[in-house]
Amino acid sequence: MGLSGAAWATLIIPTILGILVMVLYGYWDKITGKEYYVDDEILAYDEDLVKELQKEGKA
């Protein structure tokens, strides 16, 4: 028994979208040209905040 076109679409489209989201997430820094700072307490894209934390020696 083969799958119908709708069944294949139901399987293939979410799979392709999931892979696309994973690739986009993985390369987001390169796409936007920004690096983010991750700490136990903070996730920041704010460049000023990252620079301030680097001066304090936390980054």
N, C-alpha and C. Protein backbone atom coordinates (compact mmCIF):
# COMPACT_ATOMS: atom_id res chain seq x y z
N MET A 1 0.85 -1.19 0.00
CA MET A 1 0.00 0.00 0.00
C MET A 1 0.89 1.24 0.00
N GLY A 2 0.70 2.07 -1.00
CA GLY A 2 1.44 3.31 -1.09
C GLY A 2 0.70 4.44 -0.38
N LEU A 3 1.42 5.47 -0.11
CA LEU A 3 0.81 6.63 0.54
C LEU A 3 0.22 7.56 -0.52
N SER A 4 -0.83 8.23 -0.15
CA SER A 4 -1.43 9.20 -1.06
C SER A 4 -0.57 10.47 -1.11
N GLY A 5 -0.86 11.33 -2.05
CA GLY A 5 -0.13 12.59 -2.17
C GLY A 5 -0.26 13.44 -0.92
N ALA A 6 -1.44 13.45 -0.33
CA ALA A 6 -1.66 14.24 0.89
C ALA A 6 -0.86 13.67 2.06
N ALA A 7 -0.75 12.37 2.11
CA ALA A 7 0.02 11.74 3.19
C ALA A 7 1.51 12.07 3.04
N TRP A 8 2.01 12.01 1.82
CA TRP A 8 3.42 12.37 1.58
C TRP A 8 3.65 13.83 1.94
N ALA A 9 2.74 14.70 1.55
CA ALA A 9 2.88 16.12 1.88
C ALA A 9 2.88 16.33 3.39
N THR A 10 2.05 15.57 4.09
CA THR A 10 1.99 15.67 5.54
C THR A 10 3.30 15.24 6.20
N LEU A 11 4.00 14.32 5.57
CA LEU A 11 5.29 13.86 6.10
C LEU A 11 6.45 14.75 5.65
N ILE A 12 6.46 15.13 4.40
CA ILE A 12 7.61 15.80 3.81
C ILE A 12 7.68 17.29 4.18
N ILE A 13 6.57 18.00 4.12
CA ILE A 13 6.59 19.45 4.36
C ILE A 13 7.06 19.80 5.78
N PRO A 14 6.53 19.18 6.84
CA PRO A 14 7.06 19.50 8.18
C PRO A 14 8.53 19.11 8.34
N THR A 15 8.94 18.03 7.69
CA THR A 15 10.34 17.61 7.77
C THR A 15 11.25 18.66 7.14
N ILE A 16 10.89 19.14 5.96
CA ILE A 16 11.68 20.16 5.27
C ILE A 16 11.70 21.45 6.08
N LEU A 17 10.56 21.85 6.62
CA LEU A 17 10.50 23.07 7.44
C LEU A 17 11.34 22.93 8.70
N GLY A 18 11.31 21.75 9.32
CA GLY A 18 12.12 21.52 10.51
C GLY A 18 13.61 21.61 10.22
N ILE A 19 14.04 21.02 9.12
CA ILE A 19 15.45 21.08 8.73
C ILE A 19 15.84 22.52 8.41
N LEU A 20 14.98 23.25 7.72
CA LEU A 20 15.24 24.65 7.39
C LEU A 20 15.39 25.49 8.66
N VAL A 21 14.53 25.27 9.64
CA VAL A 21 14.61 26.01 10.91
C VAL A 21 15.90 25.68 11.64
N MET A 22 16.30 24.41 11.64
CA MET A 22 17.55 24.04 12.32
C MET A 22 18.77 24.68 11.66
N VAL A 23 18.79 24.70 10.33
CA VAL A 23 19.90 25.32 9.61
C VAL A 23 19.92 26.82 9.87
N LEU A 24 18.75 27.44 9.80
CA LEU A 24 18.64 28.88 10.06
C LEU A 24 19.10 29.21 11.47
N TYR A 25 18.69 28.42 12.44
CA TYR A 25 19.10 28.63 13.82
C TYR A 25 20.62 28.48 13.98
N GLY A 26 21.19 27.48 13.32
CA GLY A 26 22.61 27.21 13.43
C GLY A 26 23.48 28.31 12.83
N TYR A 27 22.98 28.95 11.77
CA TYR A 27 23.77 29.98 11.09
C TYR A 27 23.26 31.40 11.36
N TRP A 28 22.39 31.57 12.35
CA TRP A 28 21.78 32.88 12.61
C TRP A 28 22.82 33.96 12.89
N ASP A 29 23.89 33.62 13.62
CA ASP A 29 24.94 34.60 13.93
C ASP A 29 25.61 35.09 12.66
N LYS A 30 25.89 34.18 11.75
CA LYS A 30 26.54 34.57 10.49
C LYS A 30 25.58 35.35 9.60
N ILE A 31 24.31 35.00 9.61
CA ILE A 31 23.32 35.68 8.79
C ILE A 31 23.13 37.12 9.27
N THR A 32 23.02 37.31 10.57
CA THR A 32 22.77 38.65 11.11
C THR A 32 24.05 39.44 11.32
N GLY A 33 25.19 38.75 11.38
CA GLY A 33 26.46 39.44 11.62
C GLY A 33 26.66 39.82 13.07
N LYS A 34 25.83 39.26 13.96
CA LYS A 34 25.94 39.56 15.39
C LYS A 34 26.32 38.29 16.13
N GLU A 35 27.07 38.47 17.20
CA GLU A 35 27.35 37.35 18.08
C GLU A 35 26.58 37.57 19.37
N TYR A 36 26.15 36.52 19.97
CA TYR A 36 25.44 36.69 21.22
C TYR A 36 26.25 36.13 22.38
N TYR A 37 25.98 36.68 23.54
CA TYR A 37 26.67 36.30 24.78
C TYR A 37 25.72 35.45 25.61
N VAL A 38 26.16 34.28 25.99
CA VAL A 38 25.34 33.39 26.80
C VAL A 38 26.02 33.17 28.13
N ASP A 39 25.27 33.37 29.18
CA ASP A 39 25.75 33.15 30.53
C ASP A 39 24.64 32.43 31.29
N ASP A 40 24.92 31.98 32.47
CA ASP A 40 23.88 31.35 33.27
C ASP A 40 22.74 32.31 33.56
N GLU A 41 23.05 33.59 33.62
CA GLU A 41 22.06 34.59 34.01
C GLU A 41 21.50 35.39 32.84
N ILE A 42 22.15 35.34 31.68
CA ILE A 42 21.76 36.27 30.63
C ILE A 42 22.00 35.69 29.25
N LEU A 43 21.14 36.07 28.32
CA LEU A 43 21.33 35.83 26.90
C LEU A 43 21.16 37.19 26.24
N ALA A 44 22.23 37.72 25.66
CA ALA A 44 22.17 39.11 25.20
C ALA A 44 22.66 39.25 23.78
N TYR A 45 21.96 40.06 23.00
CA TYR A 45 22.41 40.49 21.69
C TYR A 45 22.87 41.94 21.76
N ASP A 46 22.67 42.57 22.90
CA ASP A 46 22.99 43.98 23.07
C ASP A 46 24.51 44.16 23.10
N GLU A 47 25.05 44.79 22.06
CA GLU A 47 26.49 44.94 21.95
C GLU A 47 27.08 45.76 23.09
N ASP A 48 26.36 46.79 23.52
CA ASP A 48 26.84 47.61 24.63
C ASP A 48 26.94 46.78 25.91
N LEU A 49 25.95 45.94 26.14
CA LEU A 49 25.96 45.10 27.34
C LEU A 49 27.10 44.10 27.28
N VAL A 50 27.34 43.52 26.10
CA VAL A 50 28.44 42.57 25.95
C VAL A 50 29.77 43.26 26.21
N LYS A 51 29.95 44.48 25.68
CA LYS A 51 31.20 45.22 25.91
C LYS A 51 31.38 45.55 27.38
N GLU A 52 30.28 45.93 28.03
CA GLU A 52 30.34 46.26 29.46
C GLU A 52 30.73 45.03 30.27
N LEU A 53 30.16 43.88 29.93
CA LEU A 53 30.49 42.66 30.64
C LEU A 53 31.93 42.23 30.39
N GLN A 54 32.42 42.49 29.17
CA GLN A 54 33.81 42.15 28.87
C GLN A 54 34.76 43.02 29.69
N LYS A 55 34.41 44.29 29.89
CA LYS A 55 35.24 45.17 30.71
C LYS A 55 35.28 44.70 32.15
N GLU A 56 34.16 44.17 32.62
CA GLU A 56 34.08 43.68 33.99
C GLU A 56 34.74 42.31 34.13
N GLY A 57 35.10 41.70 33.02
CA GLY A 57 35.75 40.41 33.07
C GLY A 57 34.80 39.23 33.16
N LYS A 58 33.52 39.46 32.87
CA LYS A 58 32.54 38.38 32.95
C LYS A 58 32.35 37.66 31.63
N ALA A 59 32.86 38.24 30.56
CA ALA A 59 32.65 37.61 29.25
C ALA A 59 33.96 37.13 28.68
